[in-house]
Protein backbone atom coordinates (compact mmCIF):
# COMPACT_ATOMS: atom_id res chain seq x y z
CA MET A 1 -8.10 77.62 -10.19
CA ASP A 2 -8.66 74.03 -12.41
CA GLU A 3 -5.49 73.01 -11.46
CA LEU A 4 -6.16 73.64 -8.39
CA ILE A 5 -10.05 71.08 -8.81
CA GLN A 6 -6.95 69.73 -11.08
CA TYR A 7 -4.81 68.42 -8.09
CA ALA A 8 -7.92 69.18 -4.81
CA PRO A 9 -6.98 64.37 -5.14
CA ASP A 10 -4.34 64.08 -4.63
CA LEU A 11 -4.47 66.19 -1.84
CA GLY A 12 -7.53 64.56 -0.48
CA GLU A 13 -5.45 61.22 -0.81
CA GLY A 14 -2.93 63.29 0.91
CA PHE A 15 -5.54 63.99 3.53
CA LEU A 16 -6.48 60.19 4.01
CA ASN A 17 -3.01 59.35 4.13
CA ASN A 18 -2.59 61.41 7.35
CA ILE A 19 -5.76 60.17 8.93
CA LYS A 20 -4.50 57.11 9.13
CA LEU A 21 -1.32 57.77 10.18
CA SER A 22 -2.79 59.41 12.91
CA LEU A 23 -5.09 56.80 14.00
CA ILE A 24 -2.84 54.34 13.84
CA ILE A 25 -0.45 57.05 15.89
CA ALA A 26 -2.41 57.12 18.04
CA VAL A 27 -3.03 53.96 19.31
CA PHE A 28 0.60 52.71 19.48
CA SER A 29 2.16 55.77 21.51
CA LEU A 30 -1.16 55.33 24.38
CA ILE A 31 0.26 52.02 24.60
CA VAL A 32 3.93 52.29 24.96
CA GLY A 33 3.02 55.83 27.26
CA THR A 34 1.04 54.09 29.46
CA ILE A 35 3.72 51.41 29.21
CA LEU A 36 6.28 54.17 29.73
CA ALA A 37 4.05 55.88 33.19
CA ALA A 38 3.62 52.02 35.01
CA MET A 39 7.54 52.38 34.59
CA ARG A 40 8.07 55.28 36.11
CA VAL A 41 6.24 55.13 38.74
CA SER A 42 7.20 52.07 39.57
CA PRO A 43 8.92 50.27 42.92
CA THR A 44 12.14 49.04 40.26
CA PRO A 45 14.53 51.32 40.52
CA VAL A 46 15.80 50.05 37.16
CA LEU A 47 12.62 50.19 35.71
CA ARG A 48 12.11 53.94 36.97
CA ALA A 49 15.43 54.77 35.66
CA ALA A 50 14.55 53.44 32.28
CA GLY A 51 11.57 54.65 31.68
CA THR A 52 12.64 58.23 33.09
CA VAL A 53 15.94 58.00 30.69
CA TYR A 54 13.40 56.92 28.12
CA VAL A 55 11.47 60.05 28.25
CA ASN A 56 13.01 63.36 29.13
CA VAL A 57 15.85 61.74 25.88
CA VAL A 58 12.85 61.60 23.79
CA ARG A 59 10.92 64.74 24.53
CA ASN A 60 13.85 66.58 24.36
CA THR A 61 14.97 65.53 20.98
CA PRO A 62 13.62 67.35 17.58
CA LEU A 63 10.76 65.55 15.72
CA THR A 64 12.18 65.40 12.40
CA LEU A 65 16.29 63.97 14.29
CA VAL A 66 13.62 61.00 16.26
CA LEU A 67 12.61 60.53 11.83
CA ALA A 68 15.40 60.97 9.98
CA PHE A 69 17.02 58.40 12.50
CA CYS A 70 14.69 55.66 12.59
CA TYR A 71 14.93 57.05 7.81
CA LEU A 72 18.33 57.11 7.55
CA GLY A 73 19.33 54.37 10.80
CA LEU A 74 17.34 51.75 11.32
CA SER A 75 16.25 51.44 7.05
CA ASP A 76 19.30 52.76 5.91
CA THR A 77 22.36 51.98 7.79
CA LEU A 78 20.16 48.36 10.22
CA GLY A 79 18.11 47.28 6.63
CA LEU A 80 15.08 47.63 8.86
CA ILE A 81 12.21 46.51 6.78
CA PHE A 82 8.78 46.73 8.43
CA SER A 83 6.19 46.31 5.02
CA THR A 84 7.55 45.73 1.56
CA GLU A 85 3.50 46.28 -0.28
CA VAL A 86 1.49 48.90 -1.99
CA PRO A 87 -0.22 51.31 0.69
CA LEU A 88 1.34 50.32 3.85
CA THR A 89 5.56 50.92 2.68
CA ASN A 90 8.31 50.39 4.48
CA SER A 91 8.57 54.95 4.86
CA PHE A 92 4.55 54.34 6.63
CA TRP A 93 5.31 52.21 9.39
CA LEU A 94 9.02 53.25 9.18
CA ALA A 95 7.24 56.88 10.13
CA VAL A 96 4.38 55.22 12.51
CA LEU A 97 7.00 53.90 14.52
CA GLY A 98 8.90 57.33 14.49
CA MET A 99 6.40 59.19 16.36
CA SER A 100 4.33 56.54 18.37
CA ALA A 101 8.31 56.09 19.97
CA TYR A 102 7.26 60.69 19.81
CA THR A 103 4.07 60.80 21.18
CA ALA A 104 4.58 58.24 22.90
CA ALA A 105 6.82 60.20 25.85
CA PHE A 106 3.88 63.00 26.04
CA VAL A 107 1.14 60.73 26.22
CA CYS A 108 3.67 59.51 29.03
CA GLU A 109 4.06 62.22 31.11
CA ALA A 110 0.29 63.38 31.02
CA LEU A 111 -0.60 60.09 32.13
CA ARG A 112 2.01 59.74 35.47
CA SER A 113 0.25 63.72 35.61
CA GLY A 114 -2.22 61.65 36.30
CA ILE A 115 -1.50 59.25 38.51
CA ASN A 116 0.13 62.22 40.63
CA THR A 117 -3.68 63.23 41.13
CA VAL A 118 -4.54 60.25 43.11
CA PRO A 119 -5.00 59.77 46.47
CA MET A 120 -1.98 57.60 47.81
CA GLY A 121 -4.51 56.12 50.53
CA GLN A 122 -5.95 54.82 47.13
CA ALA A 123 -2.66 52.46 46.34
CA GLU A 124 -2.67 52.47 50.12
CA ALA A 125 -5.50 50.63 50.43
CA ALA A 126 -4.91 48.49 47.47
CA ARG A 127 -0.99 47.51 49.19
CA ALA A 128 -3.24 46.16 52.16
CA ILE A 129 -5.72 44.57 50.42
CA GLY A 130 -3.49 41.86 48.91
CA LEU A 131 -2.90 43.57 45.30
CA THR A 132 0.79 43.47 43.54
CA PHE A 133 2.06 45.92 41.89
CA SER A 134 0.26 45.60 38.09
CA GLN A 135 -3.00 45.29 39.64
CA SER A 136 -3.54 47.90 42.31
CA ILE A 137 -1.87 50.63 39.36
CA THR A 138 -4.93 48.40 36.51
CA LEU A 139 -7.21 48.28 38.52
CA VAL A 140 -7.24 51.14 40.75
CA ILE A 141 -4.50 53.76 39.52
CA PHE A 142 -4.68 53.89 36.00
CA PRO A 143 -8.97 53.83 35.53
CA GLN A 144 -8.68 57.65 37.66
CA ALA A 145 -5.65 58.64 36.06
CA PHE A 146 -6.98 58.29 32.57
CA ARG A 147 -9.97 60.47 33.67
CA ALA A 148 -9.00 63.32 35.70
CA VAL A 149 -6.38 63.25 32.26
CA ILE A 150 -7.97 63.94 29.63
CA ALA A 151 -7.52 67.07 28.36
CA PRO A 152 -4.51 66.89 28.27
CA LEU A 153 -3.88 63.27 26.30
CA GLY A 154 -6.73 65.45 23.13
CA SER A 155 -4.39 68.44 23.98
CA VAL A 156 -1.56 65.54 22.65
CA LEU A 157 -3.70 63.86 20.41
CA ILE A 158 -4.17 67.06 18.46
CA ALA A 159 -0.43 67.80 18.78
CA MET A 160 1.06 64.17 17.08
CA ILE A 161 -1.73 64.74 14.50
CA LYS A 162 -0.30 68.75 13.42
CA ASN A 163 3.31 67.19 13.48
CA THR A 164 1.79 63.90 10.85
CA THR A 165 2.90 66.91 7.95
CA VAL A 166 6.53 66.19 9.04
CA VAL A 167 6.86 62.20 7.89
CA ALA A 168 8.19 63.44 5.08
CA ALA A 169 11.42 63.16 7.06
CA ALA A 170 11.92 59.47 7.44
CA GLY A 171 10.88 58.50 3.89
CA TYR A 172 7.19 58.92 3.79
CA THR A 173 5.67 61.77 0.91
CA VAL A 174 1.85 61.28 0.36
CA GLU A 175 1.05 62.68 2.65
CA ILE A 176 -0.62 65.96 2.21
CA ALA A 177 2.21 68.80 2.95
CA ALA A 178 4.56 67.29 0.39
CA THR A 179 1.57 66.66 -1.77
CA MET A 180 0.81 70.78 -1.12
CA ARG A 181 4.30 71.08 -1.41
CA GLU A 182 4.54 69.31 -5.31
CA THR A 183 1.12 71.03 -6.21
CA PHE A 184 3.05 74.42 -5.09
CA ASP A 185 5.76 73.61 -7.37
CA THR A 186 2.98 72.20 -10.47
CA THR A 187 0.55 74.45 -10.45
CA GLY A 188 1.53 77.50 -9.38
CA VAL A 189 -0.98 78.25 -6.56
CA SER A 190 -0.36 78.17 -2.86
CA ILE A 191 -2.82 80.36 -0.78
CA PRO A 192 -5.79 78.51 -1.65
CA ILE A 193 -4.64 75.31 -2.00
CA PHE A 194 -2.84 76.53 1.87
CA ILE A 195 -5.65 77.82 3.18
CA GLY A 196 -8.01 74.39 1.74
CA ILE A 197 -5.19 72.72 4.17
CA VAL A 198 -5.29 74.71 6.51
CA LEU A 199 -9.42 74.38 6.86
CA SER A 200 -9.57 70.03 6.63
CA PHE A 201 -7.24 69.97 9.98
CA LEU A 202 -9.44 73.24 11.14
CA VAL A 203 -12.00 70.79 10.18
CA LEU A 204 -10.21 67.58 12.31
CA ILE A 205 -8.22 68.84 15.15
CA LEU A 206 -11.35 71.31 16.92
CA PRO A 207 -13.94 68.78 16.71
CA ILE A 208 -11.51 66.58 19.04
CA GLY A 209 -10.59 69.64 20.83
CA TRP A 210 -14.15 70.18 21.99
CA TYR A 211 -15.09 66.51 22.86
CA THR A 212 -12.19 65.68 24.42
CA GLY A 213 -12.85 68.99 26.69
CA TRP A 214 -16.52 68.19 27.45
CA LEU A 215 -15.09 64.39 28.09
CA ALA A 216 -13.09 65.74 30.59
CA ARG A 217 -15.74 67.23 32.30
CA ARG A 218 -18.58 65.03 32.57
CA LEU A 219 -16.08 62.28 33.29
CA ALA A 220 -13.79 64.24 36.05
CA VAL A 221 -12.91 62.99 39.52
CA ALA A 222 -14.63 64.65 42.47
CA ARG A 223 -11.64 64.73 45.37
């Protein structure tokens, strides 16, 4: 137990790094996922095809492989460098890139399912009054689609938060899972640390699930 208390600051720092990762990835993946969803319902065949290929390839690729590609392919082979400064090191941004690209595919599909719930008459009415595709999807379609998929997007967010525990594949080794493994090897104390980390994630994730469920019911579109 003394060892657990001794390494508690390191574990806490690792968990905070996971939260920092989650916040940045959530923003980027939502932006990219929204763009992909617009591409998938675009009247332009090239955009539809590009969006479909991206989503199908990324969704069916293991996350660790995506992160390893960012670390070994983009960084080591192609020399892609985002930053060399602490605390936002190059490995941090590589993890953000890989996780955002991966999560955006799931955001896209969740949002596309919301678009499918919007009656066709809404889009036809938008075209009838002279709105372009970009205007109709941003002013008419997306506002209703987002309200319809708040709960699914919450599930994607929860899955993304849990997935941040594997970002060591992108070379980022100061998150909670890597810190946990190092502490296990150093102290031999495993069960109390494991339980503490599980409880930390529950404290973070359960309110998100409850809030997105409540928000989905409150903002549900009446059909």
